[in-house]
Protein backbone atom coordinates (compact mmCIF):
# COMPACT_ATOMS: atom_id res chain seq x y z
CA MET A 1 25.77 14.17 141.36
CA ASP A 2 25.26 10.94 143.27
CA VAL A 3 26.49 10.13 146.78
CA ARG A 4 29.21 7.74 145.56
CA THR A 5 30.76 10.44 143.38
CA LEU A 6 30.71 12.90 146.28
CA MET A 7 32.31 10.33 148.60
CA ARG A 8 35.06 9.55 146.06
CA ARG A 9 35.80 13.24 145.63
CA SER A 10 35.93 13.95 149.37
CA ALA A 11 38.12 10.89 150.02
CA GLY A 12 40.75 11.91 147.48
CA PHE A 13 42.61 14.99 146.39
CA SER A 14 40.74 18.03 145.17
CA ALA A 15 41.82 19.15 141.71
CA ASP A 16 43.87 21.97 143.28
CA GLU A 17 45.57 19.62 145.75
CA GLU A 18 46.36 17.19 142.96
CA TYR A 19 47.78 19.99 140.80
CA LEU A 20 49.94 21.37 143.62
CA ALA A 21 51.26 17.94 144.66
CA CYS A 22 52.25 17.20 141.07
CA LEU A 23 53.70 20.68 140.51
CA LEU A 24 55.88 20.53 143.63
CA SER A 25 57.13 17.04 142.85
CA CYS A 26 58.02 18.19 139.33
CA VAL A 27 59.73 21.35 140.61
CA VAL A 28 61.81 19.38 143.11
CA ALA A 29 62.76 16.81 140.44
CA GLY A 30 63.23 19.45 137.75
CA SER A 31 61.15 17.34 135.38
CA THR A 32 57.62 16.32 134.49
CA ASP A 33 58.79 12.83 133.57
CA PRO A 34 57.00 10.47 135.98
CA SER A 35 60.05 8.19 136.21
CA ALA A 36 62.06 11.12 137.66
CA LEU A 37 59.63 11.70 140.54
CA ASP A 38 60.08 10.29 144.04
CA ARG A 39 56.40 9.94 145.00
CA GLU A 40 54.58 6.91 143.61
CA LYS A 41 51.16 8.57 143.90
CA VAL A 42 52.30 11.57 141.86
CA ARG A 43 53.92 9.30 139.26
CA ARG A 44 50.60 7.47 138.84
CA ILE A 45 48.63 10.70 138.57
CA LEU A 46 50.88 12.05 135.81
CA GLU A 47 50.83 8.71 133.98
CA ASP A 48 47.02 8.51 134.22
CA LYS A 49 46.42 12.17 133.35
CA PRO A 50 48.42 13.25 130.27
CA PRO A 51 46.59 16.63 130.10
CA LEU A 52 47.84 17.51 133.60
CA ARG A 53 51.37 16.46 132.70
CA ALA A 54 51.18 18.56 129.52
CA ARG A 55 49.92 21.52 131.52
CA LEU A 56 52.86 21.21 133.92
CA GLU A 57 55.29 20.81 131.02
CA GLN A 58 53.96 24.07 129.56
CA ALA A 59 54.59 25.76 132.93
CA ARG A 60 58.25 24.66 132.84
CA ARG A 61 60.67 27.16 131.32
CA ASP A 62 64.42 27.05 130.78
CA THR A 63 65.73 30.58 131.28
CA PRO A 64 69.21 32.12 131.44
CA HIS A 65 68.75 32.08 135.23
CA GLY A 66 67.87 28.39 135.32
CA LEU A 67 64.70 26.37 135.36
CA GLU A 68 61.52 28.29 136.25
CA TRP A 69 57.92 27.19 136.69
CA ALA A 70 54.90 29.38 135.96
CA ALA A 71 52.59 28.04 138.65
CA GLU A 72 48.85 28.60 138.73
CA VAL A 73 49.04 30.73 141.86
CA GLN A 74 45.31 30.72 142.64
CA ARG A 75 45.41 26.91 142.89
CA ALA A 76 48.35 27.01 145.31
CA GLU A 77 46.59 29.71 147.35
CA SER A 78 43.44 27.58 147.52
CA VAL A 79 45.39 24.64 148.96
CA ILE A 80 47.37 26.77 151.44
CA ARG A 81 44.16 28.42 152.64
CA LYS A 82 42.48 25.03 153.14
CA LEU A 83 45.49 23.68 155.06
CA ALA A 84 45.69 26.84 157.17
CA GLN A 85 42.00 26.63 158.04
CA GLY A 86 42.55 23.04 159.17
CA HIS A 87 45.53 23.99 161.33
CA ALA A 88 43.67 26.95 162.84
CA LEU A 89 40.84 24.65 163.88
CA HIS A 90 42.79 21.53 164.82
CA GLU A 91 45.80 23.15 166.49
CA LEU A 92 44.32 26.33 167.95
CA GLY A 93 40.63 25.51 168.30
CA GLU A 94 39.85 28.53 166.11
CA PRO A 95 37.48 27.83 163.20
CA ARG A 96 38.08 30.17 160.23
CA HIS A 97 35.54 29.99 157.44
CA ASP A 98 36.06 33.55 156.21
CA ALA A 99 38.72 34.72 153.80
CA PRO A 100 42.06 35.41 155.47
CA THR A 101 43.23 38.98 155.98
CA GLU A 102 46.53 38.03 154.38
CA LEU A 103 47.52 35.06 152.23
CA VAL A 104 50.99 34.73 150.74
CA VAL A 105 52.34 31.76 148.78
CA ARG A 106 55.92 31.90 147.48
CA PRO A 107 58.84 29.60 146.80
CA LEU A 108 61.27 29.73 149.74
CA PRO A 109 64.24 30.51 147.46
CA THR A 110 62.54 33.76 146.36
CA LEU A 111 62.39 35.15 149.91
CA SER A 112 64.97 37.77 150.86
CA ASP A 113 67.11 37.08 153.94
CA SER A 114 64.91 39.31 156.13
CA GLU A 115 61.69 37.77 154.75
CA ARG A 116 63.09 34.30 155.34
CA GLU A 117 64.05 35.14 158.92
CA TRP A 118 60.59 36.64 159.62
CA PHE A 119 58.94 33.57 158.13
CA GLU A 120 61.14 30.91 159.75
CA VAL A 121 61.41 32.50 163.22
CA PRO A 122 57.93 33.70 164.19
CA ALA A 123 57.71 36.07 167.15
CA PRO A 124 56.60 34.40 170.39
CA ALA A 125 52.83 34.38 170.70
CA PRO A 126 51.65 36.87 173.34
CA VAL A 127 48.31 35.05 173.66
CA TRP A 128 47.84 31.51 174.90
CA PRO A 129 45.93 29.10 172.69
CA GLU A 130 42.35 27.96 173.32
CA VAL A 131 41.94 25.70 176.35
CA GLY A 132 41.70 22.11 175.15
CA SER A 133 43.36 22.80 171.80
CA ARG A 134 46.35 20.75 170.69
CA ALA A 135 48.56 23.82 171.02
CA MET A 136 47.49 24.23 174.68
CA GLN A 137 48.07 20.53 175.33
CA ARG A 138 51.59 20.82 173.91
CA MET A 139 52.25 23.90 176.02
CA VAL A 140 51.05 22.26 179.25
CA LEU A 141 53.10 19.13 178.54
CA GLY A 142 56.21 21.20 177.89
CA ASP A 143 56.47 20.02 174.29
CA GLU A 144 59.05 22.19 172.51
CA ALA A 145 56.84 22.14 169.39
CA ALA A 146 54.25 24.18 171.32
CA PHE A 147 55.77 27.43 170.03
CA GLY A 148 57.84 26.25 167.10
CA TRP A 149 57.52 24.38 163.87
CA ILE A 150 55.73 21.06 163.85
CA GLN A 151 57.33 18.55 161.48
CA VAL A 152 54.56 16.41 160.04
CA GLN A 153 56.75 14.64 157.50
CA ASP A 154 60.46 15.42 157.51
CA GLY A 155 61.46 17.35 154.40
CA ARG A 156 57.94 17.23 153.05
CA TYR A 157 55.58 19.14 155.36
CA ARG A 158 55.86 21.38 158.41
CA PHE A 159 53.76 24.13 159.91
CA ASN A 160 53.60 26.70 162.69
CA ALA A 161 50.31 27.86 164.18
CA CYS A 162 50.03 30.72 166.67
CA ILE A 163 47.78 33.45 167.97
CA SER A 164 49.51 36.82 167.74
CA GLY A 165 46.95 39.61 167.47
CA GLY A 166 45.17 37.24 165.12
CA ILE A 167 45.58 33.70 163.84
CA GLU A 168 48.86 33.08 161.97
CA ILE A 169 49.63 29.87 160.14
CA ARG A 170 52.93 29.23 158.38
CA ILE A 171 53.35 26.20 156.12
CA VAL A 172 56.30 24.75 154.21
CA ILE A 173 55.79 22.01 151.63
CA HIS A 174 58.72 20.05 150.15
CA GLU A 175 61.09 22.57 151.79
CA TYR A 176 60.27 24.64 148.72
CA LEU A 177 56.86 26.28 148.95
CA ALA A 178 56.14 28.76 151.75
CA GLY A 179 52.58 29.63 152.70
CA TYR A 180 51.46 32.26 155.19
CA CYS A 181 47.86 32.82 156.22
CA ARG A 182 46.62 35.38 158.75
CA TRP A 183 43.20 36.20 160.10
CA ASP A 184 42.99 39.40 162.15
CA ASP A 185 40.72 39.50 165.18
């Protein structure tokens, strides 16, 4: 593989990221029809890649309980792990190259009330973040996001990163998909 191909791949979505972005847009819209989707980039991907659109259409099922999607869970887990590793490093100054101790990816609507509360209201971190990390800078500046959720893009992406007997990263994408990643000390 030549350098240009590698640079193009690293500059864009990985196949798993592309799949998950398209899946979530389709789930939120309830359709794989590109014209029904709100994100231009996802519309273009599905128009340019009929096999991906067909794959997502096959994952869509009308059931007596409503519309359901049979997601390729390993692809979603791959993306959540990658995002969590980035947040652990960037927010907490804690590089994590090993597999997490725990990795959970589920649609928010499938969480029970107690699971949802545990996920949405993390316990206060008993350990301060790494000196010089973004989390420490927020804490020192009195930023309320220091111990809560950080909204990256309203309604589209938020996360919480803390050190609580290990590294814990919580992620919500499209206010639909919940991801939790933990590395024990």
